[in-house]
Amino acid sequence: MIVGTTEAAQILNISTARLRVLLIQGRVEGAYKTGKMWLIPLFNGKPLIKPGKRGPQPRWRNP
């Protein structure tokens, strides 16, 4: 299943602005841009985010 940025941000419990930053950094697995819209695939009900190299641990929900 493929969702947009608003739906993916709600699933991850983060803001859409933060999700867009992750998309630009290339940290969302399998996401691609068509025109002005990001398409984000879901794996087991949520997008896969690659871990960052620095900073605090992520705060989105883990089932």
PDB file of N, CA and C in Angstrom:
ATOM      1  N   MET A   1       0.842  -1.172   0.000  1.00  0.00           N
ATOM      2  CA  MET A   1       0.000   0.000   0.000  1.00  0.00           C
ATOM      3  C   MET A   1       0.894   1.244   0.000  1.00  0.00           C
ATOM      4  N   ILE A   2       0.467   2.256  -0.724  1.00  0.00           N
ATOM      5  CA  ILE A   2       1.231   3.491  -0.839  1.00  0.00           C
ATOM      6  C   ILE A   2       0.384   4.641  -0.294  1.00  0.00           C
ATOM      7  N   VAL A   3       1.008   5.502   0.516  1.00  0.00           N
ATOM      8  CA  VAL A   3       0.310   6.652   1.104  1.00  0.00           C
ATOM      9  C   VAL A   3       1.084   7.934   0.807  1.00  0.00           C
ATOM     10  N   GLY A   4       0.453   9.063   1.105  1.00  0.00           N
ATOM     11  CA  GLY A   4       1.097  10.365   0.952  1.00  0.00           C
ATOM     12  C   GLY A   4       1.752  10.804   2.249  1.00  0.00           C
ATOM     13  N   THR A   5       2.261  12.015   2.265  1.00  0.00           N
ATOM     14  CA  THR A   5       2.988  12.504   3.432  1.00  0.00           C
ATOM     15  C   THR A   5       2.088  12.720   4.646  1.00  0.00           C
ATOM     16  N   THR A   6       0.871  13.202   4.438  1.00  0.00           N
ATOM     17  CA  THR A   6      -0.022  13.466   5.569  1.00  0.00           C
ATOM     18  C   THR A   6      -0.388  12.179   6.293  1.00  0.00           C
ATOM     19  N   GLU A   7      -0.771  11.145   5.523  1.00  0.00           N
ATOM     20  CA  GLU A   7      -1.145   9.870   6.131  1.00  0.00           C
ATOM     21  C   GLU A   7       0.048   9.198   6.810  1.00  0.00           C
ATOM     22  N   ALA A   8       1.218   9.240   6.170  1.00  0.00           N
ATOM     23  CA  ALA A   8       2.416   8.628   6.746  1.00  0.00           C
ATOM     24  C   ALA A   8       2.823   9.338   8.032  1.00  0.00           C
ATOM     25  N   ALA A   9       2.699  10.663   8.074  1.00  0.00           N
ATOM     26  CA  ALA A   9       3.046  11.410   9.280  1.00  0.00           C
ATOM     27  C   ALA A   9       2.104  11.062  10.426  1.00  0.00           C
ATOM     28  N   GLN A  10       0.833  10.854  10.143  1.00  0.00           N
ATOM     29  CA  GLN A  10      -0.115  10.453  11.181  1.00  0.00           C
ATOM     30  C   GLN A  10       0.203   9.066  11.702  1.00  0.00           C
ATOM     31  N   ILE A  11       0.580   8.151  10.824  1.00  0.00           N
ATOM     32  CA  ILE A  11       0.944   6.789  11.241  1.00  0.00           C
ATOM     33  C   ILE A  11       2.158   6.808  12.155  1.00  0.00           C
ATOM     34  N   LEU A  12       3.162   7.626  11.804  1.00  0.00           N
ATOM     35  CA  LEU A  12       4.396   7.698  12.587  1.00  0.00           C
ATOM     36  C   LEU A  12       4.287   8.620  13.800  1.00  0.00           C
ATOM     37  N   ASN A  13       3.192   9.389  13.879  1.00  0.00           N
ATOM     38  CA  ASN A  13       2.963  10.333  14.971  1.00  0.00           C
ATOM     39  C   ASN A  13       4.045  11.426  15.001  1.00  0.00           C
ATOM     40  N   ILE A  14       4.383  11.931  13.805  1.00  0.00           N
ATOM     41  CA  ILE A  14       5.308  13.052  13.671  1.00  0.00           C
ATOM     42  C   ILE A  14       4.654  14.096  12.774  1.00  0.00           C
ATOM     43  N   SER A  15       5.230  15.281  12.702  1.00  0.00           N
ATOM     44  CA  SER A  15       4.662  16.333  11.856  1.00  0.00           C
ATOM     45  C   SER A  15       5.003  16.062  10.390  1.00  0.00           C
ATOM     46  N   THR A  16       4.212  16.649   9.510  1.00  0.00           N
ATOM     47  CA  THR A  16       4.472  16.488   8.084  1.00  0.00           C
ATOM     48  C   THR A  16       5.778  17.177   7.683  1.00  0.00           C
ATOM     49  N   ALA A  17       6.120  18.263   8.365  1.00  0.00           N
ATOM     50  CA  ALA A  17       7.383  18.957   8.071  1.00  0.00           C
ATOM     51  C   ALA A  17       8.577  18.055   8.399  1.00  0.00           C
ATOM     52  N   ARG A  18       8.524  17.349   9.532  1.00  0.00           N
ATOM     53  CA  ARG A  18       9.608  16.438   9.904  1.00  0.00           C
ATOM     54  C   ARG A  18       9.702  15.288   8.911  1.00  0.00           C
ATOM     55  N   LEU A  19       8.558  14.784   8.470  1.00  0.00           N
ATOM     56  CA  LEU A  19       8.562  13.698   7.492  1.00  0.00           C
ATOM     57  C   LEU A  19       9.174  14.166   6.176  1.00  0.00           C
ATOM     58  N   ARG A  20       8.868  15.393   5.758  1.00  0.00           N
ATOM     59  CA  ARG A  20       9.456  15.924   4.530  1.00  0.00           C
ATOM     60  C   ARG A  20      10.969  16.048   4.643  1.00  0.00           C
ATOM     61  N   VAL A  21      11.472  16.414   5.819  1.00  0.00           N
ATOM     62  CA  VAL A  21      12.925  16.476   6.039  1.00  0.00           C
ATOM     63  C   VAL A  21      13.532  15.083   5.898  1.00  0.00           C
ATOM     64  N   LEU A  22      12.883  14.075   6.472  1.00  0.00           N
ATOM     65  CA  LEU A  22      13.371  12.699   6.352  1.00  0.00           C
ATOM     66  C   LEU A  22      13.350  12.238   4.895  1.00  0.00           C
ATOM     67  N   LEU A  23      12.330  12.631   4.150  1.00  0.00           N
ATOM     68  CA  LEU A  23      12.239  12.271   2.735  1.00  0.00           C
ATOM     69  C   LEU A  23      13.377  12.907   1.935  1.00  0.00           C
ATOM     70  N   ILE A  24      13.650  14.169   2.181  1.00  0.00           N
ATOM     71  CA  ILE A  24      14.712  14.873   1.458  1.00  0.00           C
ATOM     72  C   ILE A  24      16.077  14.272   1.783  1.00  0.00           C
ATOM     73  N   GLN A  25      16.263  13.830   3.032  1.00  0.00           N
ATOM     74  CA  GLN A  25      17.523  13.207   3.434  1.00  0.00           C
ATOM     75  C   GLN A  25      17.666  11.791   2.906  1.00  0.00           C
ATOM     76  N   GLY A  26      16.590  11.232   2.338  1.00  0.00           N
ATOM     77  CA  GLY A  26      16.641   9.877   1.791  1.00  0.00           C
ATOM     78  C   GLY A  26      16.538   8.795   2.837  1.00  0.00           C
ATOM     79  N   ARG A  27      15.936   9.103   3.984  1.00  0.00           N
ATOM     80  CA  ARG A  27      15.864   8.139   5.081  1.00  0.00           C
ATOM     81  C   ARG A  27      14.586   7.314   5.100  1.00  0.00           C
ATOM     82  N   VAL A  28      13.640   7.586   4.192  1.00  0.00           N
ATOM     83  CA  VAL A  28      12.409   6.806   4.120  1.00  0.00           C
ATOM     84  C   VAL A  28      12.593   5.749   3.029  1.00  0.00           C
ATOM     85  N   GLU A  29      12.526   4.493   3.419  1.00  0.00           N
ATOM     86  CA  GLU A  29      12.793   3.369   2.528  1.00  0.00           C
ATOM     87  C   GLU A  29      11.731   3.260   1.437  1.00  0.00           C
ATOM     88  N   GLY A  30      12.153   3.277   0.173  1.00  0.00           N
ATOM     89  CA  GLY A  30      11.265   3.057  -0.960  1.00  0.00           C
ATOM     90  C   GLY A  30      10.424   4.251  -1.383  1.00  0.00           C
ATOM     91  N   ALA A  31      10.591   5.403  -0.761  1.00  0.00           N
ATOM     92  CA  ALA A  31       9.785   6.582  -1.103  1.00  0.00           C
ATOM     93  C   ALA A  31      10.306   7.215  -2.384  1.00  0.00           C
ATOM     94  N   TYR A  32       9.382   7.716  -3.189  1.00  0.00           N
ATOM     95  CA  TYR A  32       9.769   8.397  -4.410  1.00  0.00           C
ATOM     96  C   TYR A  32       8.804   9.543  -4.685  1.00  0.00           C
ATOM     97  N   LYS A  33       9.258  10.467  -5.491  1.00  0.00           N
ATOM     98  CA  LYS A  33       8.489  11.674  -5.766  1.00  0.00           C
ATOM     99  C   LYS A  33       8.002  11.650  -7.207  1.00  0.00           C
ATOM    100  N   THR A  34       6.701  11.924  -7.385  1.00  0.00           N
ATOM    101  CA  THR A  34       6.138  12.064  -8.723  1.00  0.00           C
ATOM    102  C   THR A  34       5.535  13.459  -8.805  1.00  0.00           C
ATOM    103  N   GLY A  35       6.112  14.301  -9.614  1.00  0.00           N
ATOM    104  CA  GLY A  35       5.666  15.685  -9.694  1.00  0.00           C
ATOM    105  C   GLY A  35       5.966  16.407  -8.394  1.00  0.00           C
ATOM    106  N   LYS A  36       4.915  16.866  -7.709  1.00  0.00           N
ATOM    107  CA  LYS A  36       5.081  17.550  -6.424  1.00  0.00           C
ATOM    108  C   LYS A  36       4.729  16.661  -5.246  1.00  0.00           C
ATOM    109  N   MET A  37       4.361  15.406  -5.495  1.00  0.00           N
ATOM    110  CA  MET A  37       3.823  14.534  -4.442  1.00  0.00           C
ATOM    111  C   MET A  37       4.781  13.395  -4.117  1.00  0.00           C
ATOM    112  N   TRP A  38       4.995  13.150  -2.822  1.00  0.00           N
ATOM    113  CA  TRP A  38       5.789  12.017  -2.368  1.00  0.00           C
ATOM    114  C   TRP A  38       4.879  10.808  -2.211  1.00  0.00           C
ATOM    115  N   LEU A  39       5.318   9.654  -2.684  1.00  0.00           N
ATOM    116  CA  LEU A  39       4.600   8.402  -2.512  1.00  0.00           C
ATOM    117  C   LEU A  39       5.441   7.504  -1.613  1.00  0.00           C
ATOM    118  N   ILE A  40       4.841   7.068  -0.509  1.00  0.00           N
ATOM    119  CA  ILE A  40       5.573   6.345   0.525  1.00  0.00           C
ATOM    120  C   ILE A  40       4.950   4.965   0.704  1.00  0.00           C
ATOM    121  N   PRO A  41       5.712   3.890   0.469  1.00  0.00           N
ATOM    122  CA  PRO A  41       5.167   2.543   0.659  1.00  0.00           C
ATOM    123  C   PRO A  41       5.125   2.173   2.147  1.00  0.00           C
ATOM    124  N   LEU A  42       4.149   1.349   2.510  1.00  0.00           N
ATOM    125  CA  LEU A  42       4.028   0.863   3.891  1.00  0.00           C
ATOM    126  C   LEU A  42       4.517  -0.572   3.959  1.00  0.00           C
ATOM    127  N   PHE A  43       5.283  -0.878   4.983  1.00  0.00           N
ATOM    128  CA  PHE A  43       5.751  -2.223   5.268  1.00  0.00           C
ATOM    129  C   PHE A  43       5.237  -2.599   6.654  1.00  0.00           C
ATOM    130  N   ASN A  44       4.385  -3.607   6.731  1.00  0.00           N
ATOM    131  CA  ASN A  44       3.751  -4.019   7.991  1.00  0.00           C
ATOM    132  C   ASN A  44       2.992  -2.863   8.634  1.00  0.00           C
ATOM    133  N   GLY A  45       2.339  -2.055   7.826  1.00  0.00           N
ATOM    134  CA  GLY A  45       1.480  -1.002   8.336  1.00  0.00           C
ATOM    135  C   GLY A  45       2.121   0.343   8.604  1.00  0.00           C
ATOM    136  N   LYS A  46       3.440   0.478   8.418  1.00  0.00           N
ATOM    137  CA  LYS A  46       4.063   1.777   8.620  1.00  0.00           C
ATOM    138  C   LYS A  46       5.296   1.926   7.731  1.00  0.00           C
ATOM    139  N   PRO A  47       5.699   3.165   7.435  1.00  0.00           N
ATOM    140  CA  PRO A  47       6.881   3.393   6.601  1.00  0.00           C
ATOM    141  C   PRO A  47       8.165   2.989   7.336  1.00  0.00           C
ATOM    142  N   LEU A  48       9.149   2.519   6.586  1.00  0.00           N
ATOM    143  CA  LEU A  48      10.448   2.180   7.173  1.00  0.00           C
ATOM    144  C   LEU A  48      11.350   3.401   7.135  1.00  0.00           C
ATOM    145  N   ILE A  49      11.878   3.779   8.294  1.00  0.00           N
ATOM    146  CA  ILE A  49      12.776   4.924   8.410  1.00  0.00           C
ATOM    147  C   ILE A  49      14.165   4.398   8.758  1.00  0.00           C
ATOM    148  N   LYS A  50      15.155   4.772   7.966  1.00  0.00           N
ATOM    149  CA  LYS A  50      16.530   4.380   8.264  1.00  0.00           C
ATOM    150  C   LYS A  50      17.000   5.139   9.499  1.00  0.00           C
ATOM    151  N   PRO A  51      17.773   4.511  10.381  1.00  0.00           N
ATOM    152  CA  PRO A  51      18.240   5.214  11.580  1.00  0.00           C
ATOM    153  C   PRO A  51      19.213   6.336  11.229  1.00  0.00           C
ATOM    154  N   GLY A  52      19.167   7.397  12.035  1.00  0.00           N
ATOM    155  CA  GLY A  52      20.074   8.521  11.849  1.00  0.00           C
ATOM    156  C   GLY A  52      21.438   8.203  12.435  1.00  0.00           C
ATOM    157  N   LYS A  53      22.393   9.037  12.129  1.00  0.00           N
ATOM    158  CA  LYS A  53      23.753   8.814  12.607  1.00  0.00           C
ATOM    159  C   LYS A  53      24.020   9.512  13.930  1.00  0.00           C
ATOM    160  N   ARG A  54      23.231  10.555  14.256  1.00  0.00           N
ATOM    161  CA  ARG A  54      23.465  11.326  15.466  1.00  0.00           C
ATOM    162  C   ARG A  54      22.138  11.691  16.098  1.00  0.00           C
ATOM    163  N   GLY A  55      22.202  12.267  17.284  1.00  0.00           N
ATOM    164  CA  GLY A  55      21.009  12.823  17.915  1.00  0.00           C
ATOM    165  C   GLY A  55      20.248  11.825  18.770  1.00  0.00           C
ATOM    166  N   PRO A  56      19.095  12.245  19.317  1.00  0.00           N
ATOM    167  CA  PRO A  56      18.312  11.401  20.201  1.00  0.00           C
ATOM    168  C   PRO A  56      17.600  10.279  19.436  1.00  0.00           C
ATOM    169  N   GLN A  57      17.104   9.291  20.173  1.00  0.00           N
ATOM    170  CA  GLN A  57      16.372   8.190  19.578  1.00  0.00           C
ATOM    171  C   GLN A  57      15.036   8.693  19.021  1.00  0.00           C
ATOM    172  N   PRO A  58      14.500   8.033  17.968  1.00  0.00           N
ATOM    173  CA  PRO A  58      13.213   8.457  17.407  1.00  0.00           C
ATOM    174  C   PRO A  58      12.085   8.267  18.396  1.00  0.00           C
ATOM    175  N   ARG A  59      11.017   9.099  18.250  1.00  0.00           N
ATOM    176  CA  ARG A  59       9.924   9.062  19.208  1.00  0.00           C
ATOM    177  C   ARG A  59       8.610   8.600  18.586  1.00  0.00           C
ATOM    178  N   TRP A  60       8.641   8.035  17.373  1.00  0.00           N
ATOM    179  CA  TRP A  60       7.383   7.574  16.803  1.00  0.00           C
ATOM    180  C   TRP A  60       6.986   6.248  17.423  1.00  0.00           C
ATOM    181  N   ARG A  61       5.724   5.894  17.253  1.00  0.00           N
ATOM    182  CA  ARG A  61       5.157   4.712  17.910  1.00  0.00           C
ATOM    183  C   ARG A  61       5.729   3.418  17.351  1.00  0.00           C
ATOM    184  N   ASN A  62       6.029   2.482  18.214  1.00  0.00           N
ATOM    185  CA  ASN A  62       6.418   1.119  17.828  1.00  0.00           C
ATOM    186  C   ASN A  62       5.358   0.174  18.374  1.00  0.00           C
ATOM    187  N   PRO A  63       4.774  -0.659  17.507  1.00  0.00           N
ATOM    188  CA  PRO A  63       3.722  -1.566  18.008  1.00  0.00           C
ATOM    189  C   PRO A  63       4.279  -2.655  18.909  1.00  0.00           C
TER     190      PRO A  63
END
